[in-house]
Protein backbone atom coordinates (compact mmCIF):
# COMPACT_ATOMS: atom_id res chain seq x y z
CA UNK A 1 0.00 0.00 0.00
CA UNK A 2 2.84 2.38 0.83
CA UNK A 3 4.46 1.93 -2.60
CA UNK A 4 1.11 2.63 -4.28
CA UNK A 5 0.81 5.88 -2.36
CA UNK A 6 4.37 6.76 -3.35
CA UNK A 7 3.51 6.13 -7.01
CA UNK A 8 0.55 8.48 -6.80
CA UNK A 9 2.70 11.10 -5.07
CA UNK A 10 5.18 10.91 -7.97
CA UNK A 11 2.46 11.27 -10.58
CA UNK A 12 0.88 14.23 -8.90
CA UNK A 13 4.11 16.04 -8.16
CA UNK A 14 4.22 17.15 -11.80
CA UNK A 15 3.53 20.87 -12.13
CA UNK A 16 0.88 20.14 -14.78
CA UNK A 17 -0.75 17.19 -13.00
CA UNK A 18 -4.14 18.93 -13.16
CA UNK A 19 -4.05 18.38 -16.94
CA UNK A 20 -3.80 14.59 -16.56
CA UNK A 21 -7.18 13.06 -17.41
CA UNK A 22 -8.89 11.27 -14.51
CA UNK A 23 -8.92 7.97 -16.42
CA UNK A 24 -5.13 8.19 -16.97
CA UNK A 25 -4.01 9.06 -13.44
CA UNK A 26 -3.42 5.43 -12.37
CA UNK A 27 -1.39 4.70 -15.49
CA UNK A 28 0.68 7.88 -15.12
CA UNK A 29 1.40 6.95 -11.51
CA UNK A 30 2.47 3.44 -12.54
CA UNK A 31 4.78 4.41 -15.41
CA UNK A 32 6.24 7.26 -13.41
CA UNK A 33 6.96 5.06 -10.39
CA UNK A 34 8.51 2.40 -12.64
CA UNK A 35 10.80 4.98 -14.25
CA UNK A 36 9.35 4.33 -17.71
CA UNK A 37 8.11 7.89 -18.22
CA UNK A 38 9.63 10.73 -16.23
CA UNK A 39 8.07 13.80 -17.77
CA UNK A 40 9.46 16.26 -20.28
CA UNK A 41 11.46 18.57 -18.05
CA UNK A 42 10.74 21.51 -15.79
CA UNK A 43 8.68 19.12 -13.64
CA UNK A 44 6.05 18.75 -16.38
CA UNK A 45 4.46 15.57 -17.68
CA UNK A 46 2.83 17.31 -20.69
CA UNK A 47 -0.15 14.96 -21.01
CA UNK A 48 -1.66 16.88 -23.93
CA UNK A 49 1.56 17.34 -25.91
CA UNK A 50 2.49 15.46 -29.06
CA UNK A 51 4.49 12.31 -28.26
CA UNK A 52 7.60 12.14 -30.46
CA UNK A 53 9.18 9.12 -32.11
CA UNK A 54 12.18 9.54 -29.82
CA UNK A 55 9.99 9.51 -26.73
CA UNK A 56 8.22 6.40 -28.01
CA UNK A 57 11.51 4.61 -28.61
CA UNK A 58 12.78 5.51 -25.14
CA UNK A 59 9.52 4.35 -23.55
CA UNK A 60 9.77 1.01 -25.35
CA UNK A 61 13.43 0.61 -24.37
CA UNK A 62 12.75 1.37 -20.70
CA UNK A 63 9.79 -1.02 -20.68
CA UNK A 64 11.87 -3.77 -22.33
CA UNK A 65 14.70 -3.25 -19.84
CA UNK A 66 12.29 -3.38 -16.93
CA UNK A 67 10.67 -6.60 -18.18
CA UNK A 68 13.96 -8.38 -18.93
CA UNK A 69 15.76 -7.71 -15.63
PDB file of N, CA and C in Angstrom:
ATOM      1  N   UNK A   1       0.827  -1.201   0.000  1.00  0.00           N
ATOM      2  CA  UNK A   1       0.000   0.000   0.000  1.00  0.00           C
ATOM      3  C   UNK A   1       0.867   1.260   0.000  1.00  0.00           C
ATOM      4  N   UNK A   2       1.969   1.218   0.744  1.00  0.00           N
ATOM      5  CA  UNK A   2       2.836   2.382   0.826  1.00  0.00           C
ATOM      6  C   UNK A   2       3.460   2.710  -0.534  1.00  0.00           C
ATOM      7  N   UNK A   3       3.864   1.678  -1.289  1.00  0.00           N
ATOM      8  CA  UNK A   3       4.455   1.932  -2.602  1.00  0.00           C
ATOM      9  C   UNK A   3       3.420   2.502  -3.574  1.00  0.00           C
ATOM     10  N   UNK A   4       2.168   2.087  -3.436  1.00  0.00           N
ATOM     11  CA  UNK A   4       1.108   2.634  -4.284  1.00  0.00           C
ATOM     12  C   UNK A   4       0.912   4.118  -3.987  1.00  0.00           C
ATOM     13  N   UNK A   5       0.938   4.474  -2.730  1.00  0.00           N
ATOM     14  CA  UNK A   5       0.807   5.885  -2.358  1.00  0.00           C
ATOM     15  C   UNK A   5       1.993   6.687  -2.868  1.00  0.00           C
ATOM     16  N   UNK A   6       3.183   6.097  -2.826  1.00  0.00           N
ATOM     17  CA  UNK A   6       4.368   6.763  -3.354  1.00  0.00           C
ATOM     18  C   UNK A   6       4.241   6.993  -4.851  1.00  0.00           C
ATOM     19  N   UNK A   7       3.709   6.001  -5.569  1.00  0.00           N
ATOM     20  CA  UNK A   7       3.509   6.128  -7.014  1.00  0.00           C
ATOM     21  C   UNK A   7       2.558   7.276  -7.326  1.00  0.00           C
ATOM     22  N   UNK A   8       1.482   7.386  -6.582  1.00  0.00           N
ATOM     23  CA  UNK A   8       0.545   8.484  -6.801  1.00  0.00           C
ATOM     24  C   UNK A   8       1.189   9.825  -6.465  1.00  0.00           C
ATOM     25  N   UNK A   9       2.013   9.857  -5.429  1.00  0.00           N
ATOM     26  CA  UNK A   9       2.697  11.096  -5.072  1.00  0.00           C
ATOM     27  C   UNK A   9       3.623  11.538  -6.201  1.00  0.00           C
ATOM     28  N   UNK A  10       4.312  10.583  -6.844  1.00  0.00           N
ATOM     29  CA  UNK A  10       5.180  10.914  -7.972  1.00  0.00           C
ATOM     30  C   UNK A  10       4.375  11.479  -9.129  1.00  0.00           C
ATOM     31  N   UNK A  11       3.272  10.840  -9.441  1.00  0.00           N
ATOM     32  CA  UNK A  11       2.465  11.274 -10.583  1.00  0.00           C
ATOM     33  C   UNK A  11       1.878  12.651 -10.363  1.00  0.00           C
ATOM     34  N   UNK A  12       1.545  12.967  -9.148  1.00  0.00           N
ATOM     35  CA  UNK A  12       0.880  14.235  -8.899  1.00  0.00           C
ATOM     36  C   UNK A  12       1.832  15.309  -8.409  1.00  0.00           C
ATOM     37  N   UNK A  13       3.131  15.006  -8.472  1.00  0.00           N
ATOM     38  CA  UNK A  13       4.106  16.036  -8.161  1.00  0.00           C
ATOM     39  C   UNK A  13       4.467  16.838  -9.407  1.00  0.00           C
ATOM     40  N   UNK A  14       3.990  16.391 -10.583  1.00  0.00           N
ATOM     41  CA  UNK A  14       4.223  17.153 -11.799  1.00  0.00           C
ATOM     42  C   UNK A  14       3.484  18.484 -11.713  1.00  0.00           C
ATOM     43  N   UNK A  15       4.130  19.534 -12.185  1.00  0.00           N
ATOM     44  CA  UNK A  15       3.528  20.871 -12.130  1.00  0.00           C
ATOM     45  C   UNK A  15       2.219  20.938 -12.908  1.00  0.00           C
ATOM     46  N   UNK A  16       2.095  20.121 -13.959  1.00  0.00           N
ATOM     47  CA  UNK A  16       0.883  20.136 -14.784  1.00  0.00           C
ATOM     48  C   UNK A  16      -0.025  18.929 -14.523  1.00  0.00           C
ATOM     49  N   UNK A  17       0.038  18.389 -13.321  1.00  0.00           N
ATOM     50  CA  UNK A  17      -0.752  17.194 -12.999  1.00  0.00           C
ATOM     51  C   UNK A  17      -2.257  17.413 -13.118  1.00  0.00           C
ATOM     52  N   UNK A  18      -2.707  18.649 -13.011  1.00  0.00           N
ATOM     53  CA  UNK A  18      -4.141  18.931 -13.164  1.00  0.00           C
ATOM     54  C   UNK A  18      -4.618  18.660 -14.589  1.00  0.00           C
ATOM     55  N   UNK A  19      -3.688  18.628 -15.549  1.00  0.00           N
ATOM     56  CA  UNK A  19      -4.048  18.378 -16.941  1.00  0.00           C
ATOM     57  C   UNK A  19      -4.144  16.886 -17.267  1.00  0.00           C
ATOM     58  N   UNK A  20      -3.724  16.030 -16.332  1.00  0.00           N
ATOM     59  CA  UNK A  20      -3.798  14.585 -16.558  1.00  0.00           C
ATOM     60  C   UNK A  20      -5.251  14.154 -16.406  1.00  0.00           C
ATOM     61  N   UNK A  21      -5.783  13.494 -17.427  1.00  0.00           N
ATOM     62  CA  UNK A  21      -7.184  13.062 -17.407  1.00  0.00           C
ATOM     63  C   UNK A  21      -7.428  12.097 -16.254  1.00  0.00           C
ATOM     64  N   UNK A  22      -8.594  12.161 -15.643  1.00  0.00           N
ATOM     65  CA  UNK A  22      -8.892  11.266 -14.515  1.00  0.00           C
ATOM     66  C   UNK A  22      -8.698   9.784 -14.843  1.00  0.00           C
ATOM     67  N   UNK A  23      -9.051   9.372 -16.063  1.00  0.00           N
ATOM     68  CA  UNK A  23      -8.919   7.967 -16.419  1.00  0.00           C
ATOM     69  C   UNK A  23      -7.460   7.546 -16.582  1.00  0.00           C
ATOM     70  N   UNK A  24      -6.538   8.507 -16.743  1.00  0.00           N
ATOM     71  CA  UNK A  24      -5.131   8.193 -16.974  1.00  0.00           C
ATOM     72  C   UNK A  24      -4.267   8.300 -15.722  1.00  0.00           C
ATOM     73  N   UNK A  25      -4.807   8.792 -14.640  1.00  0.00           N
ATOM     74  CA  UNK A  25      -4.009   9.056 -13.438  1.00  0.00           C
ATOM     75  C   UNK A  25      -3.338   7.805 -12.885  1.00  0.00           C
ATOM     76  N   UNK A  26      -4.034   6.666 -12.860  1.00  0.00           N
ATOM     77  CA  UNK A  26      -3.425   5.428 -12.366  1.00  0.00           C
ATOM     78  C   UNK A  26      -2.260   5.002 -13.252  1.00  0.00           C
ATOM     79  N   UNK A  27      -2.439   5.096 -14.553  1.00  0.00           N
ATOM     80  CA  UNK A  27      -1.388   4.704 -15.493  1.00  0.00           C
ATOM     81  C   UNK A  27      -0.181   5.631 -15.389  1.00  0.00           C
ATOM     82  N   UNK A  28      -0.412   6.919 -15.268  1.00  0.00           N
ATOM     83  CA  UNK A  28       0.683   7.877 -15.123  1.00  0.00           C
ATOM     84  C   UNK A  28       1.449   7.575 -13.840  1.00  0.00           C
ATOM     85  N   UNK A  29       0.746   7.293 -12.777  1.00  0.00           N
ATOM     86  CA  UNK A  29       1.402   6.946 -11.512  1.00  0.00           C
ATOM     87  C   UNK A  29       2.262   5.695 -11.674  1.00  0.00           C
ATOM     88  N   UNK A  30       1.744   4.697 -12.376  1.00  0.00           N
ATOM     89  CA  UNK A  30       2.473   3.440 -12.541  1.00  0.00           C
ATOM     90  C   UNK A  30       3.730   3.612 -13.390  1.00  0.00           C
ATOM     91  N   UNK A  31       3.613   4.259 -14.547  1.00  0.00           N
ATOM     92  CA  UNK A  31       4.784   4.405 -15.414  1.00  0.00           C
ATOM     93  C   UNK A  31       5.804   5.375 -14.827  1.00  0.00           C
ATOM     94  N   UNK A  32       5.337   6.335 -14.067  1.00  0.00           N
ATOM     95  CA  UNK A  32       6.243   7.265 -13.412  1.00  0.00           C
ATOM     96  C   UNK A  32       7.014   6.556 -12.300  1.00  0.00           C
ATOM     97  N   UNK A  33       6.316   5.789 -11.483  1.00  0.00           N
ATOM     98  CA  UNK A  33       6.960   5.061 -10.385  1.00  0.00           C
ATOM     99  C   UNK A  33       7.941   4.018 -10.904  1.00  0.00           C
ATOM    100  N   UNK A  34       7.636   3.421 -12.051  1.00  0.00           N
ATOM    101  CA  UNK A  34       8.512   2.398 -12.638  1.00  0.00           C
ATOM    102  C   UNK A  34       9.707   3.012 -13.361  1.00  0.00           C
ATOM    103  N   UNK A  35       9.708   4.325 -13.554  1.00  0.00           N
ATOM    104  CA  UNK A  35      10.799   4.976 -14.254  1.00  0.00           C
ATOM    105  C   UNK A  35      10.702   4.873 -15.768  1.00  0.00           C
ATOM    106  N   UNK A  36       9.535   4.479 -16.258  1.00  0.00           N
ATOM    107  CA  UNK A  36       9.346   4.332 -17.706  1.00  0.00           C
ATOM    108  C   UNK A  36       9.135   5.695 -18.354  1.00  0.00           C
ATOM    109  N   UNK A  37       8.350   6.529 -17.725  1.00  0.00           N
ATOM    110  CA  UNK A  37       8.113   7.889 -18.216  1.00  0.00           C
ATOM    111  C   UNK A  37       8.358   8.850 -17.056  1.00  0.00           C
ATOM    112  N   UNK A  38       9.226   9.826 -17.299  1.00  0.00           N
ATOM    113  CA  UNK A  38       9.631  10.730 -16.226  1.00  0.00           C
ATOM    114  C   UNK A  38       9.269  12.185 -16.474  1.00  0.00           C
ATOM    115  N   UNK A  39       8.438  12.428 -17.443  1.00  0.00           N
ATOM    116  CA  UNK A  39       8.072  13.798 -17.767  1.00  0.00           C
ATOM    117  C   UNK A  39       8.975  14.370 -18.844  1.00  0.00           C
ATOM    118  N   UNK A  40       8.756  15.623 -19.170  1.00  0.00           N
ATOM    119  CA  UNK A  40       9.461  16.264 -20.285  1.00  0.00           C
ATOM    120  C   UNK A  40      10.411  17.374 -19.838  1.00  0.00           C
ATOM    121  N   UNK A  41      10.592  17.519 -18.570  1.00  0.00           N
ATOM    122  CA  UNK A  41      11.465  18.566 -18.049  1.00  0.00           C
ATOM    123  C   UNK A  41      10.669  19.645 -17.340  1.00  0.00           C
ATOM    124  N   UNK A  42      11.371  20.438 -16.571  1.00  0.00           N
ATOM    125  CA  UNK A  42      10.743  21.509 -15.788  1.00  0.00           C
ATOM    126  C   UNK A  42       9.594  21.003 -14.933  1.00  0.00           C
ATOM    127  N   UNK A  43       9.697  19.747 -14.487  1.00  0.00           N
ATOM    128  CA  UNK A  43       8.679  19.118 -13.638  1.00  0.00           C
ATOM    129  C   UNK A  43       7.309  19.053 -14.317  1.00  0.00           C
ATOM    130  N   UNK A  44       7.297  18.878 -15.628  1.00  0.00           N
ATOM    131  CA  UNK A  44       6.054  18.753 -16.383  1.00  0.00           C
ATOM    132  C   UNK A  44       5.950  17.362 -16.990  1.00  0.00           C
ATOM    133  N   UNK A  45       4.740  16.846 -17.019  1.00  0.00           N
ATOM    134  CA  UNK A  45       4.464  15.572 -17.682  1.00  0.00           C
ATOM    135  C   UNK A  45       3.975  15.793 -19.111  1.00  0.00           C
ATOM    136  N   UNK A  46       3.342  16.920 -19.362  1.00  0.00           N
ATOM    137  CA  UNK A  46       2.833  17.310 -20.686  1.00  0.00           C
ATOM    138  C   UNK A  46       1.868  16.277 -21.266  1.00  0.00           C
ATOM    139  N   UNK A  47       0.773  16.005 -20.563  1.00  0.00           N
ATOM    140  CA  UNK A  47      -0.148  14.956 -21.014  1.00  0.00           C
ATOM    141  C   UNK A  47      -0.901  15.276 -22.303  1.00  0.00           C
ATOM    142  N   UNK A  48      -0.937  16.522 -22.696  1.00  0.00           N
ATOM    143  CA  UNK A  48      -1.662  16.875 -23.926  1.00  0.00           C
ATOM    144  C   UNK A  48      -0.716  17.185 -25.084  1.00  0.00           C
ATOM    145  N   UNK A  49       0.583  17.044 -24.864  1.00  0.00           N
ATOM    146  CA  UNK A  49       1.563  17.345 -25.912  1.00  0.00           C
ATOM    147  C   UNK A  49       1.669  16.188 -26.904  1.00  0.00           C
ATOM    148  N   UNK A  50       2.216  16.479 -28.051  1.00  0.00           N
ATOM    149  CA  UNK A  50       2.486  15.456 -29.064  1.00  0.00           C
ATOM    150  C   UNK A  50       3.624  14.586 -28.545  1.00  0.00           C
ATOM    151  N   UNK A  51       3.486  13.266 -28.711  1.00  0.00           N
ATOM    152  CA  UNK A  51       4.494  12.306 -28.262  1.00  0.00           C
ATOM    153  C   UNK A  51       5.398  11.975 -29.439  1.00  0.00           C
ATOM    154  N   UNK A  52       6.677  12.298 -29.330  1.00  0.00           N
ATOM    155  CA  UNK A  52       7.598  12.145 -30.459  1.00  0.00           C
ATOM    156  C   UNK A  52       8.042  10.694 -30.671  1.00  0.00           C
ATOM    157  N   UNK A  53       8.625  10.450 -31.814  1.00  0.00           N
ATOM    158  CA  UNK A  53       9.185   9.118 -32.114  1.00  0.00           C
ATOM    159  C   UNK A  53      10.290   8.786 -31.125  1.00  0.00           C
ATOM    160  N   UNK A  54      11.098   9.759 -30.766  1.00  0.00           N
ATOM    161  CA  UNK A  54      12.184   9.538 -29.819  1.00  0.00           C
ATOM    162  C   UNK A  54      11.648   9.165 -28.443  1.00  0.00           C
ATOM    163  N   UNK A  55      10.597   9.842 -28.013  1.00  0.00           N
ATOM    164  CA  UNK A  55       9.987   9.513 -26.731  1.00  0.00           C
ATOM    165  C   UNK A  55       9.397   8.103 -26.764  1.00  0.00           C
ATOM    166  N   UNK A  56       8.787   7.741 -27.873  1.00  0.00           N
ATOM    167  CA  UNK A  56       8.217   6.400 -28.013  1.00  0.00           C
ATOM    168  C   UNK A  56       9.304   5.341 -27.928  1.00  0.00           C
ATOM    169  N   UNK A  57      10.410   5.569 -28.622  1.00  0.00           N
ATOM    170  CA  UNK A  57      11.513   4.614 -28.605  1.00  0.00           C
ATOM    171  C   UNK A  57      12.085   4.461 -27.200  1.00  0.00           C
ATOM    172  N   UNK A  58      12.252   5.556 -26.496  1.00  0.00           N
ATOM    173  CA  UNK A  58      12.779   5.509 -25.136  1.00  0.00           C
ATOM    174  C   UNK A  58      11.814   4.792 -24.193  1.00  0.00           C
ATOM    175  N   UNK A  59      10.526   5.036 -24.366  1.00  0.00           N
ATOM    176  CA  UNK A  59       9.517   4.353 -23.546  1.00  0.00           C
ATOM    177  C   UNK A  59       9.571   2.849 -23.782  1.00  0.00           C
ATOM    178  N   UNK A  60       9.670   2.442 -25.040  1.00  0.00           N
ATOM    179  CA  UNK A  60       9.767   1.014 -25.354  1.00  0.00           C
ATOM    180  C   UNK A  60      11.038   0.401 -24.781  1.00  0.00           C
ATOM    181  N   UNK A  61      12.162   1.109 -24.894  1.00  0.00           N
ATOM    182  CA  UNK A  61      13.426   0.605 -24.366  1.00  0.00           C
ATOM    183  C   UNK A  61      13.369   0.451 -22.851  1.00  0.00           C
ATOM    184  N   UNK A  62      12.853   1.453 -22.164  1.00  0.00           N
ATOM    185  CA  UNK A  62      12.747   1.369 -20.697  1.00  0.00           C
ATOM    186  C   UNK A  62      11.810   0.248 -20.278  1.00  0.00           C
ATOM    187  N   UNK A  63      10.713   0.061 -20.997  1.00  0.00           N
ATOM    188  CA  UNK A  63       9.785  -1.024 -20.685  1.00  0.00           C
ATOM    189  C   UNK A  63      10.457  -2.376 -20.901  1.00  0.00           C
ATOM    190  N   UNK A  64      11.147  -2.523 -22.025  1.00  0.00           N
ATOM    191  CA  UNK A  64      11.865  -3.768 -22.329  1.00  0.00           C
ATOM    192  C   UNK A  64      12.896  -4.066 -21.247  1.00  0.00           C
ATOM    193  N   UNK A  65      13.687  -3.051 -20.876  1.00  0.00           N
ATOM    194  CA  UNK A  65      14.700  -3.249 -19.842  1.00  0.00           C
ATOM    195  C   UNK A  65      14.084  -3.637 -18.502  1.00  0.00           C
ATOM    196  N   UNK A  66      12.970  -3.058 -18.190  1.00  0.00           N
ATOM    197  CA  UNK A  66      12.287  -3.382 -16.931  1.00  0.00           C
ATOM    198  C   UNK A  66      11.778  -4.826 -16.939  1.00  0.00           C
ATOM    199  N   UNK A  67      11.250  -5.257 -18.082  1.00  0.00           N
ATOM    200  CA  UNK A  67      10.673  -6.601 -18.180  1.00  0.00           C
ATOM    201  C   UNK A  67      11.720  -7.706 -18.313  1.00  0.00           C
ATOM    202  N   UNK A  68      12.943  -7.347 -18.720  1.00  0.00           N
ATOM    203  CA  UNK A  68      13.959  -8.376 -18.933  1.00  0.00           C
ATOM    204  C   UNK A  68      15.032  -8.383 -17.838  1.00  0.00           C
ATOM    205  N   UNK A  69      14.798  -7.712 -16.756  1.00  0.00           N
ATOM    206  CA  UNK A  69      15.764  -7.713 -15.631  1.00  0.00           C
ATOM    207  C   UNK A  69      15.811  -9.081 -15.013  1.00  0.00           C
TER     208      UNK A  69
END
